[in-house]
PDB file of N, CA and C in Angstrom:
ATOM      1  N   MET A   1       0.854  -1.191   0.000  1.00  0.00           N
ATOM      2  CA  MET A   1       0.000   0.000   0.000  1.00  0.00           C
ATOM      3  C   MET A   1       0.891   1.242   0.000  1.00  0.00           C
ATOM      4  N   ASN A   2       0.429   2.266  -0.626  1.00  0.00           N
ATOM      5  CA  ASN A   2       1.195   3.490  -0.796  1.00  0.00           C
ATOM      6  C   ASN A   2       1.324   4.256   0.527  1.00  0.00           C
ATOM      7  N   THR A   3       2.485   4.863   0.716  1.00  0.00           N
ATOM      8  CA  THR A   3       2.737   5.645   1.929  1.00  0.00           C
ATOM      9  C   THR A   3       1.763   6.809   2.066  1.00  0.00           C
ATOM     10  N   SER A   4       1.442   7.460   0.954  1.00  0.00           N
ATOM     11  CA  SER A   4       0.509   8.595   1.012  1.00  0.00           C
ATOM     12  C   SER A   4      -0.850   8.172   1.536  1.00  0.00           C
ATOM     13  N   LEU A   5      -1.283   6.986   1.172  1.00  0.00           N
ATOM     14  CA  LEU A   5      -2.572   6.490   1.647  1.00  0.00           C
ATOM     15  C   LEU A   5      -2.520   6.186   3.143  1.00  0.00           C
ATOM     16  N   LEU A   6      -1.427   5.622   3.598  1.00  0.00           N
ATOM     17  CA  LEU A   6      -1.268   5.360   5.033  1.00  0.00           C
ATOM     18  C   LEU A   6      -1.197   6.662   5.829  1.00  0.00           C
ATOM     19  N   ILE A   7      -0.484   7.635   5.298  1.00  0.00           N
ATOM     20  CA  ILE A   7      -0.399   8.943   5.965  1.00  0.00           C
ATOM     21  C   ILE A   7      -1.777   9.589   6.029  1.00  0.00           C
ATOM     22  N   PHE A   8      -2.546   9.469   4.948  1.00  0.00           N
ATOM     23  CA  PHE A   8      -3.899  10.020   4.942  1.00  0.00           C
ATOM     24  C   PHE A   8      -4.728   9.386   6.066  1.00  0.00           C
ATOM     25  N   GLY A   9      -4.638   8.069   6.199  1.00  0.00           N
ATOM     26  CA  GLY A   9      -5.369   7.394   7.270  1.00  0.00           C
ATOM     27  C   GLY A   9      -4.940   7.875   8.648  1.00  0.00           C
ATOM     28  N   TYR A  10      -3.650   8.084   8.821  1.00  0.00           N
ATOM     29  CA  TYR A  10      -3.128   8.582  10.094  1.00  0.00           C
ATOM     30  C   TYR A  10      -3.675   9.981  10.389  1.00  0.00           C
ATOM     31  N   PHE A  11      -3.695  10.851   9.373  1.00  0.00           N
ATOM     32  CA  PHE A  11      -4.240  12.192   9.581  1.00  0.00           C
ATOM     33  C   PHE A  11      -5.736  12.141   9.902  1.00  0.00           C
ATOM     34  N   GLN A  12      -6.458  11.198   9.311  1.00  0.00           N
ATOM     35  CA  GLN A  12      -7.876  11.073   9.629  1.00  0.00           C
ATOM     36  C   GLN A  12      -8.062  10.665  11.089  1.00  0.00           C
ATOM     37  N   PHE A  13      -7.215   9.758  11.549  1.00  0.00           N
ATOM     38  CA  PHE A  13      -7.268   9.340  12.954  1.00  0.00           C
ATOM     39  C   PHE A  13      -6.965  10.518  13.884  1.00  0.00           C
ATOM     40  N   LEU A  14      -5.928  11.289  13.552  1.00  0.00           N
ATOM     41  CA  LEU A  14      -5.591  12.464  14.373  1.00  0.00           C
ATOM     42  C   LEU A  14      -6.716  13.491  14.347  1.00  0.00           C
ATOM     43  N   ASP A  15      -7.366  13.641  13.200  1.00  0.00           N
ATOM     44  CA  ASP A  15      -8.475  14.590  13.100  1.00  0.00           C
ATOM     45  C   ASP A  15      -9.651  14.120  13.956  1.00  0.00           C
ATOM     46  N   ILE A  16      -9.896  12.825  13.989  1.00  0.00           N
ATOM     47  CA  ILE A  16     -10.952  12.302  14.870  1.00  0.00           C
ATOM     48  C   ILE A  16     -10.629  12.641  16.320  1.00  0.00           C
ATOM     49  N   LEU A  17      -9.395  12.373  16.731  1.00  0.00           N
ATOM     50  CA  LEU A  17      -9.012  12.637  18.125  1.00  0.00           C
ATOM     51  C   LEU A  17      -9.153  14.114  18.482  1.00  0.00           C
ATOM     52  N   THR A  18      -8.649  14.996  17.628  1.00  0.00           N
ATOM     53  CA  THR A  18      -8.733  16.420  17.951  1.00  0.00           C
ATOM     54  C   THR A  18     -10.179  16.911  17.906  1.00  0.00           C
ATOM     55  N   THR A  19     -10.979  16.374  16.999  1.00  0.00           N
ATOM     56  CA  THR A  19     -12.390  16.768  16.940  1.00  0.00           C
ATOM     57  C   THR A  19     -13.118  16.339  18.208  1.00  0.00           C
ATOM     58  N   VAL A  20     -12.852  15.131  18.674  1.00  0.00           N
ATOM     59  CA  VAL A  20     -13.491  14.657  19.906  1.00  0.00           C
ATOM     60  C   VAL A  20     -13.100  15.553  21.087  1.00  0.00           C
ATOM     61  N   VAL A  21     -11.833  15.918  21.174  1.00  0.00           N
ATOM     62  CA  VAL A  21     -11.404  16.803  22.267  1.00  0.00           C
ATOM     63  C   VAL A  21     -12.102  18.155  22.151  1.00  0.00           C
ATOM     64  N   PHE A  22     -12.205  18.687  20.931  1.00  0.00           N
ATOM     65  CA  PHE A  22     -12.931  19.948  20.752  1.00  0.00           C
ATOM     66  C   PHE A  22     -14.373  19.810  21.211  1.00  0.00           C
ATOM     67  N   LEU A  23     -15.038  18.748  20.794  1.00  0.00           N
ATOM     68  CA  LEU A  23     -16.438  18.560  21.171  1.00  0.00           C
ATOM     69  C   LEU A  23     -16.604  18.426  22.681  1.00  0.00           C
ATOM     70  N   LEU A  24     -15.691  17.699  23.317  1.00  0.00           N
ATOM     71  CA  LEU A  24     -15.745  17.561  24.779  1.00  0.00           C
ATOM     72  C   LEU A  24     -15.477  18.886  25.482  1.00  0.00           C
ATOM     73  N   SER A  25     -14.753  19.785  24.804  1.00  0.00           N
ATOM     74  CA  SER A  25     -14.442  21.100  25.372  1.00  0.00           C
ATOM     75  C   SER A  25     -15.536  22.119  25.090  1.00  0.00           C
ATOM     76  N   GLY A  26     -16.569  21.706  24.347  1.00  0.00           N
ATOM     77  CA  GLY A  26     -17.663  22.619  24.047  1.00  0.00           C
ATOM     78  C   GLY A  26     -17.481  23.434  22.790  1.00  0.00           C
ATOM     79  N   VAL A  27     -16.464  23.141  21.993  1.00  0.00           N
ATOM     80  CA  VAL A  27     -16.238  23.858  20.741  1.00  0.00           C
ATOM     81  C   VAL A  27     -17.126  23.234  19.674  1.00  0.00           C
ATOM     82  N   GLN A  28     -17.779  24.079  18.877  1.00  0.00           N
ATOM     83  CA  GLN A  28     -18.651  23.602  17.811  1.00  0.00           C
ATOM     84  C   GLN A  28     -17.846  23.219  16.575  1.00  0.00           C
ATOM     85  N   GLU A  29     -18.319  22.211  15.861  1.00  0.00           N
ATOM     86  CA  GLU A  29     -17.686  21.783  14.613  1.00  0.00           C
ATOM     87  C   GLU A  29     -17.910  22.840  13.542  1.00  0.00           C
ATOM     88  N   ALA A  30     -16.852  23.198  12.808  1.00  0.00           N
ATOM     89  CA  ALA A  30     -16.939  24.236  11.785  1.00  0.00           C
ATOM     90  C   ALA A  30     -17.312  23.683  10.413  1.00  0.00           C
ATOM     91  N   ASN A  31     -16.946  22.439  10.131  1.00  0.00           N
ATOM     92  CA  ASN A  31     -17.241  21.836   8.830  1.00  0.00           C
ATOM     93  C   ASN A  31     -18.721  21.473   8.775  1.00  0.00           C
ATOM     94  N   PRO A  32     -19.486  22.051   7.823  1.00  0.00           N
ATOM     95  CA  PRO A  32     -20.931  21.786   7.795  1.00  0.00           C
ATOM     96  C   PRO A  32     -21.279  20.327   7.505  1.00  0.00           C
ATOM     97  N   VAL A  33     -20.478  19.623   6.723  1.00  0.00           N
ATOM     98  CA  VAL A  33     -20.749  18.215   6.429  1.00  0.00           C
ATOM     99  C   VAL A  33     -20.553  17.370   7.688  1.00  0.00           C
ATOM    100  N   VAL A  34     -19.459  17.615   8.380  1.00  0.00           N
ATOM    101  CA  VAL A  34     -19.192  16.876   9.623  1.00  0.00           C
ATOM    102  C   VAL A  34     -20.231  17.248  10.677  1.00  0.00           C
ATOM    103  N   LYS A  35     -20.582  18.518  10.753  1.00  0.00           N
ATOM    104  CA  LYS A  35     -21.590  18.961  11.720  1.00  0.00           C
ATOM    105  C   LYS A  35     -22.920  18.253  11.472  1.00  0.00           C
ATOM    106  N   PHE A  36     -23.305  18.126  10.203  1.00  0.00           N
ATOM    107  CA  PHE A  36     -24.539  17.418   9.854  1.00  0.00           C
ATOM    108  C   PHE A  36     -24.469  15.962  10.308  1.00  0.00           C
ATOM    109  N   ALA A  37     -23.322  15.315  10.057  1.00  0.00           N
ATOM    110  CA  ALA A  37     -23.153  13.914  10.459  1.00  0.00           C
ATOM    111  C   ALA A  37     -23.207  13.764  11.972  1.00  0.00           C
ATOM    112  N   LEU A  38     -22.598  14.694  12.688  1.00  0.00           N
ATOM    113  CA  LEU A  38     -22.619  14.648  14.155  1.00  0.00           C
ATOM    114  C   LEU A  38     -24.036  14.779  14.693  1.00  0.00           C
ATOM    115  N   GLU A  39     -24.842  15.623  14.045  1.00  0.00           N
ATOM    116  CA  GLU A  39     -26.201  15.895  14.530  1.00  0.00           C
ATOM    117  C   GLU A  39     -27.199  14.821  14.130  1.00  0.00           C
ATOM    118  N   THR A  40     -26.992  14.157  12.993  1.00  0.00           N
ATOM    119  CA  THR A  40     -27.994  13.207  12.506  1.00  0.00           C
ATOM    120  C   THR A  40     -27.695  11.757  12.861  1.00  0.00           C
ATOM    121  N   ALA A  41     -26.469  11.441  13.168  1.00  0.00           N
ATOM    122  CA  ALA A  41     -26.124  10.065  13.538  1.00  0.00           C
ATOM    123  C   ALA A  41     -26.675   9.744  14.924  1.00  0.00           C
ATOM    124  N   PRO A  42     -26.946   8.470  15.203  1.00  0.00           N
ATOM    125  CA  PRO A  42     -27.430   8.099  16.539  1.00  0.00           C
ATOM    126  C   PRO A  42     -26.443   8.462  17.645  1.00  0.00           C
ATOM    127  N   ASN A  43     -25.167   8.509  17.287  1.00  0.00           N
ATOM    128  CA  ASN A  43     -24.110   8.844  18.226  1.00  0.00           C
ATOM    129  C   ASN A  43     -23.134   9.756  17.479  1.00  0.00           C
ATOM    130  N   PRO A  44     -22.743  10.905  18.054  1.00  0.00           N
ATOM    131  CA  PRO A  44     -21.831  11.807  17.341  1.00  0.00           C
ATOM    132  C   PRO A  44     -20.522  11.152  16.909  1.00  0.00           C
ATOM    133  N   ILE A  45     -19.992  10.268  17.727  1.00  0.00           N
ATOM    134  CA  ILE A  45     -18.739   9.592  17.366  1.00  0.00           C
ATOM    135  C   ILE A  45     -18.961   8.717  16.139  1.00  0.00           C
ATOM    136  N   LEU A  46     -20.106   8.036  16.077  1.00  0.00           N
ATOM    137  CA  LEU A  46     -20.427   7.212  14.916  1.00  0.00           C
ATOM    138  C   LEU A  46     -20.521   8.077  13.657  1.00  0.00           C
ATOM    139  N   GLY A  47     -21.142   9.237  13.770  1.00  0.00           N
ATOM    140  CA  GLY A  47     -21.217  10.157  12.628  1.00  0.00           C
ATOM    141  C   GLY A  47     -19.841  10.585  12.159  1.00  0.00           C
ATOM    142  N   LEU A  48     -18.976  10.873  13.102  1.00  0.00           N
ATOM    143  CA  LEU A  48     -17.604  11.269  12.770  1.00  0.00           C
ATOM    144  C   LEU A  48     -16.850  10.126  12.097  1.00  0.00           C
ATOM    145  N   VAL A  49     -17.009   8.919  12.618  1.00  0.00           N
ATOM    146  CA  VAL A  49     -16.340   7.757  12.028  1.00  0.00           C
ATOM    147  C   VAL A  49     -16.859   7.486  10.617  1.00  0.00           C
ATOM    148  N   ILE A  50     -18.148   7.635  10.395  1.00  0.00           N
ATOM    149  CA  ILE A  50     -18.713   7.438   9.057  1.00  0.00           C
ATOM    150  C   ILE A  50     -18.109   8.427   8.066  1.00  0.00           C
ATOM    151  N   ILE A  51     -17.999   9.694   8.471  1.00  0.00           N
ATOM    152  CA  ILE A  51     -17.386  10.702   7.603  1.00  0.00           C
ATOM    153  C   ILE A  51     -15.943  10.335   7.287  1.00  0.00           C
ATOM    154  N   LYS A  52     -15.215   9.890   8.291  1.00  0.00           N
ATOM    155  CA  LYS A  52     -13.801   9.541   8.079  1.00  0.00           C
ATOM    156  C   LYS A  52     -13.661   8.296   7.210  1.00  0.00           C
ATOM    157  N   LEU A  53     -14.563   7.335   7.346  1.00  0.00           N
ATOM    158  CA  LEU A  53     -14.534   6.162   6.477  1.00  0.00           C
ATOM    159  C   LEU A  53     -14.816   6.559   5.028  1.00  0.00           C
ATOM    160  N   ALA A  54     -15.744   7.492   4.842  1.00  0.00           N
ATOM    161  CA  ALA A  54     -16.013   7.992   3.489  1.00  0.00           C
ATOM    162  C   ALA A  54     -14.774   8.690   2.929  1.00  0.00           C
ATOM    163  N   ALA A  55     -14.104   9.470   3.761  1.00  0.00           N
ATOM    164  CA  ALA A  55     -12.867  10.147   3.320  1.00  0.00           C
ATOM    165  C   ALA A  55     -11.799   9.123   2.947  1.00  0.00           C
ATOM    166  N   LEU A  56     -11.685   8.062   3.744  1.00  0.00           N
ATOM    167  CA  LEU A  56     -10.720   7.007   3.421  1.00  0.00           C
ATOM    168  C   LEU A  56     -11.076   6.328   2.105  1.00  0.00           C
ATOM    169  N   GLY A  57     -12.358   6.131   1.855  1.00  0.00           N
ATOM    170  CA  GLY A  57     -12.795   5.567   0.582  1.00  0.00           C
ATOM    171  C   GLY A  57     -12.419   6.447  -0.594  1.00  0.00           C
ATOM    172  N   LEU A  58     -12.615   7.752  -0.445  1.00  0.00           N
ATOM    173  CA  LEU A  58     -12.226   8.686  -1.507  1.00  0.00           C
ATOM    174  C   LEU A  58     -10.719   8.698  -1.719  1.00  0.00           C
ATOM    175  N   ALA A  59      -9.969   8.622  -0.628  1.00  0.00           N
ATOM    176  CA  ALA A  59      -8.510   8.588  -0.743  1.00  0.00           C
ATOM    177  C   ALA A  59      -8.066   7.319  -1.455  1.00  0.00           C
ATOM    178  N   TYR A  60      -8.695   6.208  -1.129  1.00  0.00           N
ATOM    179  CA  TYR A  60      -8.368   4.950  -1.790  1.00  0.00           C
ATOM    180  C   TYR A  60      -8.675   5.037  -3.294  1.00  0.00           C
ATOM    181  N   TYR A  61      -9.805   5.650  -3.617  1.00  0.00           N
ATOM    182  CA  TYR A  61     -10.172   5.848  -5.020  1.00  0.00           C
ATOM    183  C   TYR A  61      -9.109   6.684  -5.741  1.00  0.00           C
ATOM    184  N   CYS A  62      -8.683   7.776  -5.116  1.00  0.00           N
ATOM    185  CA  CYS A  62      -7.624   8.615  -5.708  1.00  0.00           C
ATOM    186  C   CYS A  62      -6.361   7.799  -5.936  1.00  0.00           C
ATOM    187  N   TRP A  63      -6.005   6.992  -4.955  1.00  0.00           N
ATOM    188  CA  TRP A  63      -4.796   6.179  -5.055  1.00  0.00           C
ATOM    189  C   TRP A  63      -4.919   5.164  -6.191  1.00  0.00           C
ATOM    190  N   ARG A  64      -6.069   4.489  -6.277  1.00  0.00           N
ATOM    191  CA  ARG A  64      -6.274   3.478  -7.324  1.00  0.00           C
ATOM    192  C   ARG A  64      -6.313   4.096  -8.718  1.00  0.00           C
ATOM    193  N   MET A  65      -6.798   5.326  -8.822  1.00  0.00           N
ATOM    194  CA  MET A  65      -6.907   5.988 -10.120  1.00  0.00           C
ATOM    195  C   MET A  65      -5.623   6.725 -10.507  1.00  0.00           C
ATOM    196  N   GLY A  66      -4.599   6.600  -9.664  1.00  0.00           N
ATOM    197  CA  GLY A  66      -3.317   7.232  -9.992  1.00  0.00           C
ATOM    198  C   GLY A  66      -3.260   8.721  -9.691  1.00  0.00           C
ATOM    199  N   ARG A  67      -4.170   9.211  -8.892  1.00  0.00           N
ATOM    200  CA  ARG A  67      -4.202  10.637  -8.529  1.00  0.00           C
ATOM    201  C   ARG A  67      -3.373  10.875  -7.279  1.00  0.00           C
ATOM    202  N   ARG A  68      -2.155  10.421  -7.314  1.00  0.00           N
ATOM    203  CA  ARG A  68      -1.294  10.494  -6.130  1.00  0.00           C
ATOM    204  C   ARG A  68      -0.903  11.926  -5.777  1.00  0.00           C
ATOM    205  N   SER A  69      -0.785  12.796  -6.777  1.00  0.00           N
ATOM    206  CA  SER A  69      -0.458  14.194  -6.466  1.00  0.00           C
ATOM    207  C   SER A  69      -1.623  14.868  -5.741  1.00  0.00           C
ATOM    208  N   LEU A  70      -2.849  14.501  -6.086  1.00  0.00           N
ATOM    209  CA  LEU A  70      -4.018  15.019  -5.372  1.00  0.00           C
ATOM    210  C   LEU A  70      -4.004  14.528  -3.928  1.00  0.00           C
ATOM    211  N   LEU A  71      -3.685  13.264  -3.746  1.00  0.00           N
ATOM    212  CA  LEU A  71      -3.609  12.698  -2.399  1.00  0.00           C
ATOM    213  C   LEU A  71      -2.519  13.386  -1.580  1.00  0.00           C
ATOM    214  N   LEU A  72      -1.400  13.703  -2.212  1.00  0.00           N
ATOM    215  CA  LEU A  72      -0.333  14.428  -1.525  1.00  0.00           C
ATOM    216  C   LEU A  72      -0.806  15.809  -1.087  1.00  0.00           C
ATOM    217  N   ARG A  73      -1.506  16.521  -1.946  1.00  0.00           N
ATOM    218  CA  ARG A  73      -2.019  17.853  -1.594  1.00  0.00           C
ATOM    219  C   ARG A  73      -3.045  17.775  -0.462  1.00  0.00           C
ATOM    220  N   ILE A  74      -3.882  16.742  -0.490  1.00  0.00           N
ATOM    221  CA  ILE A  74      -4.863  16.568   0.586  1.00  0.00           C
ATOM    222  C   ILE A  74      -4.156  16.261   1.902  1.00  0.00           C
ATOM    223  N   ASN A  75      -3.082  15.471   1.837  1.00  0.00           N
ATOM    224  CA  ASN A  75      -2.308  15.193   3.050  1.00  0.00           C
ATOM    225  C   ASN A  75      -1.704  16.466   3.621  1.00  0.00           C
ATOM    226  N   ILE A  76      -1.213  17.336   2.767  1.00  0.00           N
ATOM    227  CA  ILE A  76      -0.673  18.618   3.233  1.00  0.00           C
ATOM    228  C   ILE A  76      -1.775  19.433   3.905  1.00  0.00           C
ATOM    229  N   LEU A  77      -2.953  19.444   3.295  1.00  0.00           N
ATOM    230  CA  LEU A  77      -4.090  20.168   3.877  1.00  0.00           C
ATOM    231  C   LEU A  77      -4.438  19.616   5.261  1.00  0.00           C
ATOM    232  N   PHE A  78      -4.491  18.297   5.398  1.00  0.00           N
ATOM    233  CA  PHE A  78      -4.821  17.710   6.698  1.00  0.00           C
ATOM    234  C   PHE A  78      -3.695  17.890   7.706  1.00  0.00           C
ATOM    235  N   ALA A  79      -2.448  17.932   7.249  1.00  0.00           N
ATOM    236  CA  ALA A  79      -1.334  18.221   8.167  1.00  0.00           C
ATOM    237  C   ALA A  79      -1.515  19.619   8.757  1.00  0.00           C
ATOM    238  N   ILE A  80      -1.895  20.559   7.917  1.00  0.00           N
ATOM    239  CA  ILE A  80      -2.143  21.931   8.385  1.00  0.00           C
ATOM    240  C   ILE A  80      -3.346  21.954   9.324  1.00  0.00           C
ATOM    241  N   LEU A  81      -4.413  21.256   8.960  1.00  0.00           N
ATOM    242  CA  LEU A  81      -5.630  21.229   9.774  1.00  0.00           C
ATOM    243  C   LEU A  81      -5.381  20.631  11.152  1.00  0.00           C
ATOM    244  N   VAL A  82      -4.706  19.494  11.191  1.00  0.00           N
ATOM    245  CA  VAL A  82      -4.430  18.844  12.480  1.00  0.00           C
ATOM    246  C   VAL A  82      -3.490  19.709  13.316  1.00  0.00           C
ATOM    247  N   SER A  83      -2.499  20.331  12.669  1.00  0.00           N
ATOM    248  CA  SER A  83      -1.602  21.231  13.398  1.00  0.00           C
ATOM    249  C   SER A  83      -2.383  22.406  13.985  1.00  0.00           C
ATOM    250  N   TRP A  84      -3.271  22.976  13.188  1.00  0.00           N
ATOM    251  CA  TRP A  84      -4.105  24.078  13.671  1.00  0.00           C
ATOM    252  C   TRP A  84      -4.939  23.623  14.866  1.00  0.00           C
ATOM    253  N   ASN A  85      -5.542  22.440  14.765  1.00  0.00           N
ATOM    254  CA  ASN A  85      -6.345  21.919  15.876  1.00  0.00           C
ATOM    255  C   ASN A  85      -5.505  21.781  17.141  1.00  0.00           C
ATOM    256  N   LEU A  86      -4.293  21.264  17.003  1.00  0.00           N
ATOM    257  CA  LEU A  86      -3.425  21.103  18.178  1.00  0.00           C
ATOM    258  C   LEU A  86      -3.028  22.444  18.775  1.00  0.00           C
ATOM    259  N   PHE A  87      -2.699  23.414  17.926  1.00  0.00           N
ATOM    260  CA  PHE A  87      -2.376  24.761  18.431  1.00  0.00           C
ATOM    261  C   PHE A  87      -3.579  25.371  19.142  1.00  0.00           C
ATOM    262  N   ALA A  88      -4.774  25.196  18.575  1.00  0.00           N
ATOM    263  CA  ALA A  88      -5.979  25.745  19.194  1.00  0.00           C
ATOM    264  C   ALA A  88      -6.248  25.077  20.542  1.00  0.00           C
ATOM    265  N   LEU A  89      -6.022  23.773  20.622  1.00  0.00           N
ATOM    266  CA  LEU A  89      -6.221  23.077  21.900  1.00  0.00           C
ATOM    267  C   LEU A  89      -5.218  23.536  22.945  1.00  0.00           C
ATOM    268  N   ILE A  90      -3.964  23.711  22.528  1.00  0.00           N
ATOM    269  CA  ILE A  90      -2.945  24.199  23.461  1.00  0.00           C
ATOM    270  C   ILE A  90      -3.296  25.609  23.932  1.00  0.00           C
ATOM    271  N   ALA A  91      -3.731  26.462  23.015  1.00  0.00           N
ATOM    272  CA  ALA A  91      -4.108  27.833  23.391  1.00  0.00           C
ATOM    273  C   ALA A  91      -5.272  27.816  24.360  1.00  0.00           C
ATOM    274  N   ARG A  92      -6.211  26.905  24.159  1.00  0.00           N
ATOM    275  CA  ARG A  92      -7.366  26.815  25.068  1.00  0.00           C
ATOM    276  C   ARG A  92      -6.931  26.390  26.468  1.00  0.00           C
ATOM    277  N   VAL A  93      -6.015  25.448  26.537  1.00  0.00           N
ATOM    278  CA  VAL A  93      -5.522  24.972  27.837  1.00  0.00           C
ATOM    279  C   VAL A  93      -4.735  26.098  28.528  1.00  0.00           C
ATOM    280  N   VAL A  94      -3.925  26.833  27.784  1.00  0.00           N
ATOM    281  CA  VAL A  94      -3.153  27.937  28.363  1.00  0.00           C
ATOM    282  C   VAL A  94      -4.091  29.022  28.880  1.00  0.00           C
ATOM    283  N   ASP A  95      -5.163  29.306  28.147  1.00  0.00           N
ATOM    284  CA  ASP A  95      -6.135  30.302  28.599  1.00  0.00           C
ATOM    285  C   ASP A  95      -6.847  29.866  29.876  1.00  0.00           C
ATOM    286  N   MET A  96      -7.049  28.571  30.031  1.00  0.00           N
ATOM    287  CA  MET A  96      -7.748  28.064  31.205  1.00  0.00           C
ATOM    288  C   MET A  96      -6.855  28.054  32.436  1.00  0.00           C
ATOM    289  N   ALA A  97      -5.539  28.066  32.219  1.00  0.00           N
ATOM    290  CA  ALA A  97      -4.591  27.974  33.346  1.00  0.00           C
ATOM    291  C   ALA A  97      -4.451  29.289  34.065  1.00  0.00           C
TER     292      ALA A  97
END
């Protein structure tokens, strides 16, 4: 399996973790698609996992179709997103201290 696909899966896992921490901290989800899934699923975590599984399916499709440069760009986007989430969580903890 391609490294880019594995990295994408890792970023999805990190995004799940940071999203759960945000939700537990009372922060609202900004992505309207994810927000819809969180609100309509029987359990918000299940909604989040369904969205991430769909994202993994799309990434797999990109990989199978040879769109590896697209997958690389998406990985860069998620690296930035997860980094932003971590910085925001750290800032929230510092503000609470």
